[in-house]
Amino acid sequence: MPEHKTIQRAHADKRAGKAASTQAGEFVKEEVDRVRAGKHGVRSAKQAVAIGLSKARRAGVDLKAPKKGTTSGATRKKAAKDTAAGQHKTAAHASSAGNGESKTKRARAATAALKRESGKGASSAALSKQTKSAAAHRPAASRSAAAKKAATTKGASARSTAAKKAAHTRAARSHH
């Protein structure tokens, strides 16, 4: 069950007109924080992201299931199931699920399995590696469009700082 403040941040993102993936990012951040706090572990950064996205869908974030061919059928089925669960949440269900007493045998086993895993999957190095590999799968045009959009929202002073940093990086790499 996600924390109340995470749901509030996601609602604030929705009110601000931000994308569903941005809203879901609040849940992913919460999951990474949970792993870093030692509540449980994950096998990889990808698993931490998957748990966060699942929680987001179940909390009612309108995040679509991945397209056919991009992930396994089981993953798409789980995403669709999570989305359906997020559409019809009742007040009674939300309050009873939070007490932790009505956990099924399977849910307890899943929690126990996560507790046996390491916290290295949520390290900054692991998340950085995952981010870079995910970006590499996207087409160059998509990455370029994202960079252009980021540059327009950055502001003049931040753009200037970024340009100086880029020039410094280029200079440092050209000497080797």
C-alpha atoms as a PDB file:
ATOM      1  CA  MET A   1       0.000   0.000   0.000  1.00  0.00           C
ATOM      2  CA  PRO A   2       1.561   3.325  -1.031  1.00  0.00           C
ATOM      3  CA  GLU A   3       1.996   6.094   1.511  1.00  0.00           C
ATOM      4  CA  HIS A   4      -0.669   8.800   1.641  1.00  0.00           C
ATOM      5  CA  LYS A   5       1.835  11.551   0.758  1.00  0.00           C
ATOM      6  CA  THR A   6       2.871   9.642  -2.394  1.00  0.00           C
ATOM      7  CA  ILE A   7      -0.755   9.478  -3.556  1.00  0.00           C
ATOM      8  CA  GLN A   8      -1.137  13.197  -2.780  1.00  0.00           C
ATOM      9  CA  ARG A   9       1.971  14.045  -4.840  1.00  0.00           C
ATOM     10  CA  ALA A  10       0.636  11.971  -7.755  1.00  0.00           C
ATOM     11  CA  HIS A  11      -2.743  13.776  -7.515  1.00  0.00           C
ATOM     12  CA  ALA A  12      -0.922  17.128  -7.485  1.00  0.00           C
ATOM     13  CA  ASP A  13       0.958  16.064 -10.642  1.00  0.00           C
ATOM     14  CA  LYS A  14      -2.347  15.135 -12.284  1.00  0.00           C
ATOM     15  CA  ARG A  15      -3.897  18.504 -11.359  1.00  0.00           C
ATOM     16  CA  ALA A  16      -0.840  20.233 -12.819  1.00  0.00           C
ATOM     17  CA  GLY A  17      -1.557  18.425 -16.101  1.00  0.00           C
ATOM     18  CA  LYS A  18       1.555  16.259 -15.975  1.00  0.00           C
ATOM     19  CA  ALA A  19       1.828  12.969 -17.861  1.00  0.00           C
ATOM     20  CA  ALA A  20       0.756   9.628 -16.348  1.00  0.00           C
ATOM     21  CA  SER A  21       4.390   8.493 -16.376  1.00  0.00           C
ATOM     22  CA  THR A  22       5.316  11.523 -14.242  1.00  0.00           C
ATOM     23  CA  GLN A  23       2.532  10.675 -11.782  1.00  0.00           C
ATOM     24  CA  ALA A  24       3.769   7.065 -11.690  1.00  0.00           C
ATOM     25  CA  GLY A  25       7.288   8.338 -11.028  1.00  0.00           C
ATOM     26  CA  GLU A  26       6.172   9.331  -7.513  1.00  0.00           C
ATOM     27  CA  PHE A  27       5.416   5.670  -6.755  1.00  0.00           C
ATOM     28  CA  VAL A  28       8.704   4.491  -8.276  1.00  0.00           C
ATOM     29  CA  LYS A  29      10.575   7.030  -6.120  1.00  0.00           C
ATOM     30  CA  GLU A  30       8.737   5.754  -3.034  1.00  0.00           C
ATOM     31  CA  GLU A  31       9.710   2.164  -3.878  1.00  0.00           C
ATOM     32  CA  VAL A  32      13.376   3.093  -4.322  1.00  0.00           C
ATOM     33  CA  ASP A  33      13.253   4.919  -0.975  1.00  0.00           C
ATOM     34  CA  ARG A  34      11.711   1.834   0.678  1.00  0.00           C
ATOM     35  CA  VAL A  35      14.536  -0.371  -0.609  1.00  0.00           C
ATOM     36  CA  ARG A  36      17.167   2.169   0.458  1.00  0.00           C
ATOM     37  CA  ALA A  37      15.576   2.325   3.920  1.00  0.00           C
ATOM     38  CA  GLY A  38      15.975  -1.463   4.193  1.00  0.00           C
ATOM     39  CA  LYS A  39      12.256  -2.331   4.249  1.00  0.00           C
ATOM     40  CA  HIS A  40      12.983  -4.960   1.568  1.00  0.00           C
ATOM     41  CA  GLY A  41      15.400  -5.625  -1.285  1.00  0.00           C
ATOM     42  CA  VAL A  42      15.123  -6.041  -5.048  1.00  0.00           C
ATOM     43  CA  ARG A  43      16.998  -8.188  -7.500  1.00  0.00           C
ATOM     44  CA  SER A  44      17.509  -5.292  -9.914  1.00  0.00           C
ATOM     45  CA  ALA A  45      16.650  -1.646 -10.532  1.00  0.00           C
ATOM     46  CA  LYS A  46      14.140  -2.876 -13.113  1.00  0.00           C
ATOM     47  CA  GLN A  47      12.262  -4.771 -10.392  1.00  0.00           C
ATOM     48  CA  ALA A  48      12.061  -1.671  -8.181  1.00  0.00           C
ATOM     49  CA  VAL A  49      10.610   0.282 -11.125  1.00  0.00           C
ATOM     50  CA  ALA A  50       8.133  -2.534 -11.896  1.00  0.00           C
ATOM     51  CA  ILE A  51       6.873  -2.613  -8.290  1.00  0.00           C
ATOM     52  CA  GLY A  52       6.455   1.177  -8.330  1.00  0.00           C
ATOM     53  CA  LEU A  53       4.525   1.107 -11.627  1.00  0.00           C
ATOM     54  CA  SER A  54       2.284  -1.679 -10.317  1.00  0.00           C
ATOM     55  CA  LYS A  55       1.484   0.387  -7.212  1.00  0.00           C
ATOM     56  CA  ALA A  56       0.769   3.432  -9.388  1.00  0.00           C
ATOM     57  CA  ARG A  57      -1.684   1.510 -11.576  1.00  0.00           C
ATOM     58  CA  ARG A  58      -3.417   0.061  -8.504  1.00  0.00           C
ATOM     59  CA  ALA A  59      -3.679   3.570  -7.016  1.00  0.00           C
ATOM     60  CA  GLY A  60      -5.583   4.754 -10.094  1.00  0.00           C
ATOM     61  CA  VAL A  61      -2.870   6.362 -12.243  1.00  0.00           C
ATOM     62  CA  ASP A  62      -4.007   6.062 -15.863  1.00  0.00           C
ATOM     63  CA  LEU A  63      -0.836   4.314 -17.029  1.00  0.00           C
ATOM     64  CA  LYS A  64      -1.305   2.127 -20.080  1.00  0.00           C
ATOM     65  CA  ALA A  65      -0.014  -1.456 -20.274  1.00  0.00           C
ATOM     66  CA  PRO A  66       3.145  -1.872 -22.389  1.00  0.00           C
ATOM     67  CA  LYS A  67       2.671  -2.503 -26.126  1.00  0.00           C
ATOM     68  CA  LYS A  68       2.660  -6.028 -27.507  1.00  0.00           C
ATOM     69  CA  GLY A  69       6.155  -7.162 -28.435  1.00  0.00           C
ATOM     70  CA  THR A  70       7.902  -4.872 -25.941  1.00  0.00           C
ATOM     71  CA  THR A  71       7.358  -7.114 -22.899  1.00  0.00           C
ATOM     72  CA  SER A  72       6.106 -10.610 -22.104  1.00  0.00           C
ATOM     73  CA  GLY A  73       2.416 -11.495 -22.155  1.00  0.00           C
ATOM     74  CA  ALA A  74       2.532 -12.098 -18.399  1.00  0.00           C
ATOM     75  CA  THR A  75       3.809  -8.564 -17.774  1.00  0.00           C
ATOM     76  CA  ARG A  76       1.108  -7.027 -19.974  1.00  0.00           C
ATOM     77  CA  LYS A  77      -1.553  -9.178 -18.272  1.00  0.00           C
ATOM     78  CA  LYS A  78      -0.332  -8.065 -14.824  1.00  0.00           C
ATOM     79  CA  ALA A  79      -0.361  -4.407 -15.929  1.00  0.00           C
ATOM     80  CA  ALA A  80      -3.928  -4.753 -17.238  1.00  0.00           C
ATOM     81  CA  LYS A  81      -4.983  -6.424 -13.980  1.00  0.00           C
ATOM     82  CA  ASP A  82      -3.384  -3.638 -11.921  1.00  0.00           C
ATOM     83  CA  THR A  83      -5.109  -0.979 -14.024  1.00  0.00           C
ATOM     84  CA  ALA A  84      -8.476  -2.715 -13.549  1.00  0.00           C
ATOM     85  CA  ALA A  85      -7.869  -2.917  -9.788  1.00  0.00           C
ATOM     86  CA  GLY A  86      -7.156   0.818  -9.717  1.00  0.00           C
ATOM     87  CA  GLN A  87     -10.415   1.687 -11.475  1.00  0.00           C
ATOM     88  CA  HIS A  88     -12.812   0.382  -8.827  1.00  0.00           C
ATOM     89  CA  LYS A  89     -11.330   1.096  -5.434  1.00  0.00           C
ATOM     90  CA  THR A  90     -13.804   1.207  -2.568  1.00  0.00           C
ATOM     91  CA  ALA A  91     -13.319   2.976   0.751  1.00  0.00           C
ATOM     92  CA  ALA A  92     -13.762  -0.309   2.651  1.00  0.00           C
ATOM     93  CA  HIS A  93     -11.083  -2.047   0.578  1.00  0.00           C
ATOM     94  CA  ALA A  94      -8.585   0.781   1.036  1.00  0.00           C
ATOM     95  CA  SER A  95      -8.946   0.794   4.821  1.00  0.00           C
ATOM     96  CA  SER A  96      -8.828  -2.978   5.297  1.00  0.00           C
ATOM     97  CA  ALA A  97      -5.830  -3.479   3.003  1.00  0.00           C
ATOM     98  CA  GLY A  98      -3.714  -1.097   5.059  1.00  0.00           C
ATOM     99  CA  ASN A  99      -3.895  -3.084   8.306  1.00  0.00           C
ATOM    100  CA  GLY A 100      -1.663  -5.908   6.993  1.00  0.00           C
ATOM    101  CA  GLU A 101      -3.615  -8.669   8.777  1.00  0.00           C
ATOM    102  CA  SER A 102      -5.473 -10.075   5.796  1.00  0.00           C
ATOM    103  CA  LYS A 103      -2.343 -11.020   3.834  1.00  0.00           C
ATOM    104  CA  THR A 104      -2.641 -14.213   1.873  1.00  0.00           C
ATOM    105  CA  LYS A 105      -0.041 -16.964   1.988  1.00  0.00           C
ATOM    106  CA  ARG A 106       1.179 -15.916  -1.459  1.00  0.00           C
ATOM    107  CA  ALA A 107       1.514 -12.239  -0.451  1.00  0.00           C
ATOM    108  CA  ARG A 108       3.502 -13.215   2.649  1.00  0.00           C
ATOM    109  CA  ALA A 109       5.779 -15.415   0.525  1.00  0.00           C
ATOM    110  CA  ALA A 110       6.366 -12.568  -1.944  1.00  0.00           C
ATOM    111  CA  THR A 111       7.241 -10.170   0.882  1.00  0.00           C
ATOM    112  CA  ALA A 112       9.588 -12.738   2.445  1.00  0.00           C
ATOM    113  CA  ALA A 113      11.305 -13.277  -0.925  1.00  0.00           C
ATOM    114  CA  LEU A 114      11.845  -9.518  -1.334  1.00  0.00           C
ATOM    115  CA  LYS A 115      13.276  -9.286   2.186  1.00  0.00           C
ATOM    116  CA  ARG A 116      15.924 -11.856   1.250  1.00  0.00           C
ATOM    117  CA  GLU A 117      17.097  -9.730  -1.678  1.00  0.00           C
ATOM    118  CA  SER A 118      19.854  -7.125  -1.541  1.00  0.00           C
ATOM    119  CA  GLY A 119      19.359  -3.361  -1.540  1.00  0.00           C
ATOM    120  CA  LYS A 120      21.960  -2.877  -4.273  1.00  0.00           C
ATOM    121  CA  GLY A 121      19.243  -2.788  -6.943  1.00  0.00           C
ATOM    122  CA  ALA A 122      18.210   0.664  -5.722  1.00  0.00           C
ATOM    123  CA  SER A 123      21.729   2.104  -5.546  1.00  0.00           C
ATOM    124  CA  SER A 124      22.436   5.209  -7.601  1.00  0.00           C
ATOM    125  CA  ALA A 125      24.854   3.204  -9.787  1.00  0.00           C
ATOM    126  CA  ALA A 126      22.237   0.519 -10.529  1.00  0.00           C
ATOM    127  CA  LEU A 127      19.528   3.104 -11.279  1.00  0.00           C
ATOM    128  CA  SER A 128      21.909   5.070 -13.511  1.00  0.00           C
ATOM    129  CA  LYS A 129      22.823   1.921 -15.451  1.00  0.00           C
ATOM    130  CA  GLN A 130      19.136   0.998 -15.848  1.00  0.00           C
ATOM    131  CA  THR A 131      18.242   4.524 -17.019  1.00  0.00           C
ATOM    132  CA  LYS A 132      21.016   4.539 -19.618  1.00  0.00           C
ATOM    133  CA  SER A 133      20.144   1.076 -20.955  1.00  0.00           C
ATOM    134  CA  ALA A 134      16.438   2.020 -21.159  1.00  0.00           C
ATOM    135  CA  ALA A 135      17.312   5.217 -23.044  1.00  0.00           C
ATOM    136  CA  ALA A 136      19.526   3.252 -25.448  1.00  0.00           C
ATOM    137  CA  HIS A 137      16.474   1.197 -26.499  1.00  0.00           C
ATOM    138  CA  ARG A 138      14.657   4.359 -27.554  1.00  0.00           C
ATOM    139  CA  PRO A 139      15.164   5.813 -31.033  1.00  0.00           C
ATOM    140  CA  ALA A 140      17.542   8.763 -31.439  1.00  0.00           C
ATOM    141  CA  ALA A 141      14.657  11.008 -32.565  1.00  0.00           C
ATOM    142  CA  SER A 142      12.774  10.303 -29.339  1.00  0.00           C
ATOM    143  CA  ARG A 143      15.826  11.047 -27.185  1.00  0.00           C
ATOM    144  CA  SER A 144      16.530  14.212 -29.145  1.00  0.00           C
ATOM    145  CA  ALA A 145      12.924  15.412 -28.773  1.00  0.00           C
ATOM    146  CA  ALA A 146      13.078  14.808 -25.010  1.00  0.00           C
ATOM    147  CA  ALA A 147      16.347  16.776 -24.765  1.00  0.00           C
ATOM    148  CA  LYS A 148      14.888  19.687 -26.771  1.00  0.00           C
ATOM    149  CA  LYS A 149      11.795  19.752 -24.564  1.00  0.00           C
ATOM    150  CA  ALA A 150      13.975  19.713 -21.437  1.00  0.00           C
ATOM    151  CA  ALA A 151      16.083  22.576 -22.792  1.00  0.00           C
ATOM    152  CA  THR A 152      13.019  24.777 -23.360  1.00  0.00           C
ATOM    153  CA  THR A 153      11.736  24.224 -19.822  1.00  0.00           C
ATOM    154  CA  LYS A 154      15.146  24.775 -18.227  1.00  0.00           C
ATOM    155  CA  GLY A 155      15.464  28.569 -18.334  1.00  0.00           C
ATOM    156  CA  ALA A 156      18.310  30.770 -19.526  1.00  0.00           C
ATOM    157  CA  SER A 157      20.666  30.560 -16.524  1.00  0.00           C
ATOM    158  CA  ALA A 158      20.324  26.773 -16.158  1.00  0.00           C
ATOM    159  CA  ARG A 159      20.841  26.378 -19.921  1.00  0.00           C
ATOM    160  CA  SER A 160      24.013  28.452 -19.704  1.00  0.00           C
ATOM    161  CA  THR A 161      25.305  26.335 -16.802  1.00  0.00           C
ATOM    162  CA  ALA A 162      24.508  23.125 -18.717  1.00  0.00           C
ATOM    163  CA  ALA A 163      26.323  24.438 -21.817  1.00  0.00           C
ATOM    164  CA  LYS A 164      29.422  25.271 -19.748  1.00  0.00           C
ATOM    165  CA  LYS A 165      29.347  21.818 -18.156  1.00  0.00           C
ATOM    166  CA  ALA A 166      29.014  20.171 -21.592  1.00  0.00           C
ATOM    167  CA  ALA A 167      31.948  22.192 -22.939  1.00  0.00           C
ATOM    168  CA  HIS A 168      34.041  21.209 -19.908  1.00  0.00           C
ATOM    169  CA  THR A 169      33.151  17.524 -20.395  1.00  0.00           C
ATOM    170  CA  ARG A 170      34.010  17.673 -24.115  1.00  0.00           C
ATOM    171  CA  ALA A 171      37.357  19.308 -23.294  1.00  0.00           C
ATOM    172  CA  ALA A 172      38.156  16.689 -20.657  1.00  0.00           C
ATOM    173  CA  ARG A 173      37.332  13.809 -23.010  1.00  0.00           C
ATOM    174  CA  SER A 174      39.283  15.191 -25.988  1.00  0.00           C
ATOM    175  CA  HIS A 175      42.607  14.973 -24.082  1.00  0.00           C
ATOM    176  CA  HIS A 176      42.421  11.191 -23.724  1.00  0.00           C
END
